C-alpha atoms as a PDB file:
ATOM      1  CA  MET A   1       0.000   0.000   0.000  1.00  0.00           C
ATOM      2  CA  THR A   2       1.272   3.455  -0.813  1.00  0.00           C
ATOM      3  CA  ALA A   3       0.313   6.865   0.442  1.00  0.00           C
ATOM      4  CA  THR A   4      -0.671   9.905  -1.574  1.00  0.00           C
ATOM      5  CA  ALA A   5       0.744  13.280  -0.634  1.00  0.00           C
ATOM      6  CA  PRO A   6      -1.873  15.373   1.213  1.00  0.00           C
ATOM      7  CA  GLY A   7      -3.962  17.685  -0.964  1.00  0.00           C
ATOM      8  CA  ARG A   8      -3.258  15.856  -4.217  1.00  0.00           C
ATOM      9  CA  GLU A   9      -5.078  13.631  -6.612  1.00  0.00           C
ATOM     10  CA  ALA A  10      -3.886  10.068  -6.127  1.00  0.00           C
ATOM     11  CA  LEU A  11      -1.538   8.334  -8.501  1.00  0.00           C
ATOM     12  CA  ALA A  12      -3.285   5.364 -10.092  1.00  0.00           C
ATOM     13  CA  ARG A  13      -1.231   2.195  -9.866  1.00  0.00           C
ATOM     14  CA  VAL A  14      -2.455  -0.474 -12.262  1.00  0.00           C
ATOM     15  CA  ASN A  15      -1.423  -4.076 -12.778  1.00  0.00           C
ATOM     16  CA  PRO A  16      -3.345  -5.197 -15.882  1.00  0.00           C
ATOM     17  CA  PRO A  17      -4.615  -8.777 -15.547  1.00  0.00           C
ATOM     18  CA  ALA A  18      -3.052  -9.666 -18.914  1.00  0.00           C
ATOM     19  CA  LEU A  19       0.413  -9.166 -17.329  1.00  0.00           C
ATOM     20  CA  CYS A  20       2.037 -11.225 -14.598  1.00  0.00           C
ATOM     21  CA  PRO A  21       1.787  -9.732 -11.107  1.00  0.00           C
ATOM     22  CA  PRO A  22       4.753  -7.565 -10.066  1.00  0.00           C
ATOM     23  CA  VAL A  23       7.652  -9.632  -8.724  1.00  0.00           C
ATOM     24  CA  GLN A  24       7.561  -9.582  -4.907  1.00  0.00           C
ATOM     25  CA  ASN A  25       5.147  -6.611  -5.143  1.00  0.00           C
ATOM     26  CA  LEU A  26       8.120  -4.228  -5.486  1.00  0.00           C
ATOM     27  CA  TYR A  27       6.705  -2.144  -8.344  1.00  0.00           C
ATOM     28  CA  SER A  28       3.600  -1.392 -10.398  1.00  0.00           C
ATOM     29  CA  GLN A  29       3.267  -2.345 -14.066  1.00  0.00           C
ATOM     30  CA  VAL A  30       1.724   1.065 -14.883  1.00  0.00           C
ATOM     31  CA  VAL A  31       1.517   4.329 -12.933  1.00  0.00           C
ATOM     32  CA  ILE A  32      -0.920   6.984 -14.171  1.00  0.00           C
ATOM     33  CA  ALA A  33      -0.227  10.519 -12.992  1.00  0.00           C
ATOM     34  CA  PRO A  34      -2.844  13.267 -12.942  1.00  0.00           C
ATOM     35  CA  ALA A  35      -2.066  16.446 -14.866  1.00  0.00           C
ATOM     36  CA  GLY A  36       0.570  18.545 -13.180  1.00  0.00           C
ATOM     37  CA  ARG A  37       4.255  19.319 -12.978  1.00  0.00           C
ATOM     38  CA  THR A  38       6.728  16.482 -13.343  1.00  0.00           C
ATOM     39  CA  ALA A  39      10.295  16.276 -12.005  1.00  0.00           C
ATOM     40  CA  TYR A  40      12.838  14.155 -13.860  1.00  0.00           C
ATOM     41  CA  LEU A  41      15.767  13.386 -11.594  1.00  0.00           C
ATOM     42  CA  ALA A  42      19.219  12.824 -13.026  1.00  0.00           C
ATOM     43  CA  GLY A  43      20.780   9.491 -12.212  1.00  0.00           C
ATOM     44  CA  GLN A  44      21.938   9.516  -8.603  1.00  0.00           C
ATOM     45  CA  VAL A  45      25.063   7.627  -7.588  1.00  0.00           C
ATOM     46  CA  ALA A  46      26.848   7.166  -4.256  1.00  0.00           C
ATOM     47  CA  LEU A  47      28.424  10.614  -4.076  1.00  0.00           C
ATOM     48  CA  ASP A  48      28.033  12.578  -0.858  1.00  0.00           C
ATOM     49  CA  ALA A  49      27.411  16.347  -0.768  1.00  0.00           C
ATOM     50  CA  SER A  50      31.148  17.025  -1.182  1.00  0.00           C
ATOM     51  CA  GLY A  51      31.384  14.758  -4.241  1.00  0.00           C
ATOM     52  CA  GLU A  52      33.199  11.912  -2.487  1.00  0.00           C
ATOM     53  CA  LEU A  53      32.306   8.322  -3.365  1.00  0.00           C
ATOM     54  CA  VAL A  54      30.590   6.570  -0.452  1.00  0.00           C
ATOM     55  CA  GLY A  55      31.326   2.856   0.026  1.00  0.00           C
ATOM     56  CA  PRO A  56      33.873   1.985  -2.668  1.00  0.00           C
ATOM     57  CA  GLY A  57      33.275  -1.659  -3.639  1.00  0.00           C
ATOM     58  CA  ASP A  58      30.267  -1.938  -1.279  1.00  0.00           C
ATOM     59  CA  TYR A  59      26.909  -2.430  -3.029  1.00  0.00           C
ATOM     60  CA  ALA A  60      24.852  -1.871   0.139  1.00  0.00           C
ATOM     61  CA  ALA A  61      26.614   1.372   1.088  1.00  0.00           C
ATOM     62  CA  GLN A  62      26.461   2.706  -2.464  1.00  0.00           C
ATOM     63  CA  ALA A  63      22.790   1.770  -2.795  1.00  0.00           C
ATOM     64  CA  ARG A  64      21.930   3.545   0.488  1.00  0.00           C
ATOM     65  CA  GLN A  65      23.707   6.710  -0.652  1.00  0.00           C
ATOM     66  CA  ALA A  66      22.174   6.648  -4.144  1.00  0.00           C
ATOM     67  CA  PHE A  67      18.655   6.212  -2.712  1.00  0.00           C
ATOM     68  CA  LEU A  68      19.371   8.907  -0.116  1.00  0.00           C
ATOM     69  CA  ASN A  69      20.407  11.244  -2.943  1.00  0.00           C
ATOM     70  CA  VAL A  70      17.115  10.500  -4.726  1.00  0.00           C
ATOM     71  CA  LYS A  71      15.218  11.294  -1.526  1.00  0.00           C
ATOM     72  CA  LEU A  72      17.198  14.515  -1.014  1.00  0.00           C
ATOM     73  CA  ALA A  73      16.610  15.578  -4.626  1.00  0.00           C
ATOM     74  CA  LEU A  74      12.889  14.954  -4.199  1.00  0.00           C
ATOM     75  CA  GLU A  75      12.815  16.925  -0.945  1.00  0.00           C
ATOM     76  CA  GLY A  76      14.654  19.739  -2.727  1.00  0.00           C
ATOM     77  CA  VAL A  77      11.649  20.211  -5.021  1.00  0.00           C
ATOM     78  CA  GLY A  78       9.002  19.659  -2.351  1.00  0.00           C
ATOM     79  CA  ALA A  79       8.319  16.003  -3.155  1.00  0.00           C
ATOM     80  CA  THR A  80       8.689  12.673  -1.349  1.00  0.00           C
ATOM     81  CA  PRO A  81       9.238   9.061  -2.462  1.00  0.00           C
ATOM     82  CA  ALA A  82       5.421   8.686  -2.430  1.00  0.00           C
ATOM     83  CA  ASP A  83       5.334  11.152  -5.353  1.00  0.00           C
ATOM     84  CA  MET A  84       7.564   9.014  -7.586  1.00  0.00           C
ATOM     85  CA  VAL A  85       6.005   7.496 -10.695  1.00  0.00           C
ATOM     86  CA  ARG A  86       9.124   5.877 -12.194  1.00  0.00           C
ATOM     87  CA  HIS A  87      12.251   4.405 -10.644  1.00  0.00           C
ATOM     88  CA  ASN A  88      15.143   2.946 -12.668  1.00  0.00           C
ATOM     89  CA  ILE A  89      18.001   1.183 -10.903  1.00  0.00           C
ATOM     90  CA  TYR A  90      21.231   0.368 -12.753  1.00  0.00           C
ATOM     91  CA  VAL A  91      23.619  -2.125 -11.140  1.00  0.00           C
ATOM     92  CA  VAL A  92      27.156  -2.910 -12.304  1.00  0.00           C
ATOM     93  CA  ASP A  93      27.769  -6.673 -12.583  1.00  0.00           C
ATOM     94  CA  HIS A  94      24.286  -7.429 -11.281  1.00  0.00           C
ATOM     95  CA  ARG A  95      23.522 -10.881  -9.899  1.00  0.00           C
ATOM     96  CA  PRO A  96      20.413 -12.210  -8.138  1.00  0.00           C
ATOM     97  CA  GLU A  97      21.893 -12.099  -4.633  1.00  0.00           C
ATOM     98  CA  LEU A  98      22.171  -8.305  -4.934  1.00  0.00           C
ATOM     99  CA  VAL A  99      18.386  -7.826  -5.159  1.00  0.00           C
ATOM    100  CA  PRO A 100      17.755  -8.010  -1.378  1.00  0.00           C
ATOM    101  CA  VAL A 101      20.842  -5.873  -0.729  1.00  0.00           C
ATOM    102  CA  ILE A 102      19.653  -3.136  -3.090  1.00  0.00           C
ATOM    103  CA  PHE A 103      15.993  -3.163  -2.076  1.00  0.00           C
ATOM    104  CA  GLY A 104      16.950  -3.458   1.601  1.00  0.00           C
ATOM    105  CA  ALA A 105      18.980  -0.265   1.257  1.00  0.00           C
ATOM    106  CA  ALA A 106      16.079   1.457  -0.503  1.00  0.00           C
ATOM    107  CA  GLN A 107      13.694   0.379   2.262  1.00  0.00           C
ATOM    108  CA  GLU A 108      16.061   1.799   4.904  1.00  0.00           C
ATOM    109  CA  VAL A 109      16.082   5.159   3.128  1.00  0.00           C
ATOM    110  CA  TYR A 110      12.493   5.412   1.892  1.00  0.00           C
ATOM    111  CA  GLY A 111      10.826   3.713   4.858  1.00  0.00           C
ATOM    112  CA  GLU A 112       7.128   2.870   4.781  1.00  0.00           C
ATOM    113  CA  PRO A 113       5.084   2.903   2.744  1.00  0.00           C
ATOM    114  CA  TRP A 114       7.189   1.480  -0.079  1.00  0.00           C
ATOM    115  CA  PRO A 115       6.792   3.643  -3.224  1.00  0.00           C
ATOM    116  CA  LEU A 116       5.134   1.408  -5.839  1.00  0.00           C
ATOM    117  CA  THR A 117       6.456   2.973  -9.028  1.00  0.00           C
ATOM    118  CA  ALA A 118       6.803   1.781 -12.584  1.00  0.00           C
ATOM    119  CA  SER A 119      10.314   0.371 -12.136  1.00  0.00           C
ATOM    120  CA  THR A 120      13.247  -1.178 -13.927  1.00  0.00           C
ATOM    121  CA  LEU A 121      16.237  -2.969 -12.390  1.00  0.00           C
ATOM    122  CA  LEU A 122      18.952  -3.392 -14.983  1.00  0.00           C
ATOM    123  CA  GLY A 123      22.377  -4.998 -14.812  1.00  0.00           C
ATOM    124  CA  VAL A 124      25.012  -3.022 -16.694  1.00  0.00           C
ATOM    125  CA  GLN A 125      28.680  -3.460 -17.522  1.00  0.00           C
ATOM    126  CA  ALA A 126      29.718  -0.037 -16.231  1.00  0.00           C
ATOM    127  CA  LEU A 127      28.410   3.354 -15.152  1.00  0.00           C
ATOM    128  CA  GLY A 128      29.806   6.830 -15.842  1.00  0.00           C
ATOM    129  CA  LEU A 129      32.979   6.603 -13.754  1.00  0.00           C
ATOM    130  CA  PRO A 130      35.059   3.748 -12.327  1.00  0.00           C
ATOM    131  CA  GLY A 131      33.950   2.659  -8.865  1.00  0.00           C
ATOM    132  CA  TRP A 132      30.295   3.565  -9.295  1.00  0.00           C
ATOM    133  CA  LEU A 133      28.219   0.411  -8.678  1.00  0.00           C
ATOM    134  CA  ILE A 134      24.617   1.709  -8.452  1.00  0.00           C
ATOM    135  CA  GLU A 135      22.768   4.509 -10.233  1.00  0.00           C
ATOM    136  CA  VAL A 136      19.130   5.401  -9.578  1.00  0.00           C
ATOM    137  CA  GLU A 137      16.903   7.563 -11.785  1.00  0.00           C
ATOM    138  CA  ALA A 138      13.481   8.732 -10.705  1.00  0.00           C
ATOM    139  CA  THR A 139      10.534  10.655 -12.074  1.00  0.00           C
ATOM    140  CA  ALA A 140       8.059  12.278  -9.698  1.00  0.00           C
ATOM    141  CA  LEU A 141       4.844  14.241  -9.919  1.00  0.00           C
ATOM    142  CA  LEU A 142       5.274  17.482  -7.996  1.00  0.00           C
ATOM    143  CA  PRO A 143       2.713  18.645  -5.441  1.00  0.00           C
END
């Protein structure tokens, strides 16, 4: 279950019956946003406010920082994770055992309720600079 920001029309989260249910209920197949302003966040990696890489070689630490940066970017425009409509997660050298590590870090940062967005988790060979392991993009409907 997800919350809607106070004073706003709810996002419609739809899982068409012709598609399989979302894996582990971690996303929605389709998110419909009411008319309004939309924020497109640049990919967020594990850089702290001073530009230093957090957690070199550590997927959990880098995931926490990347998700924290998404949350901070959202807060910077008056939004919250509940306002997100799309969430793309890129993981260098992805393997199945990283899924709970990555989503555990996101849960630590975002808390409850989990933001059910239209999501993609994609394994990639590399990101923009050496040492970056996780990059998270998000799109949100602004209040």
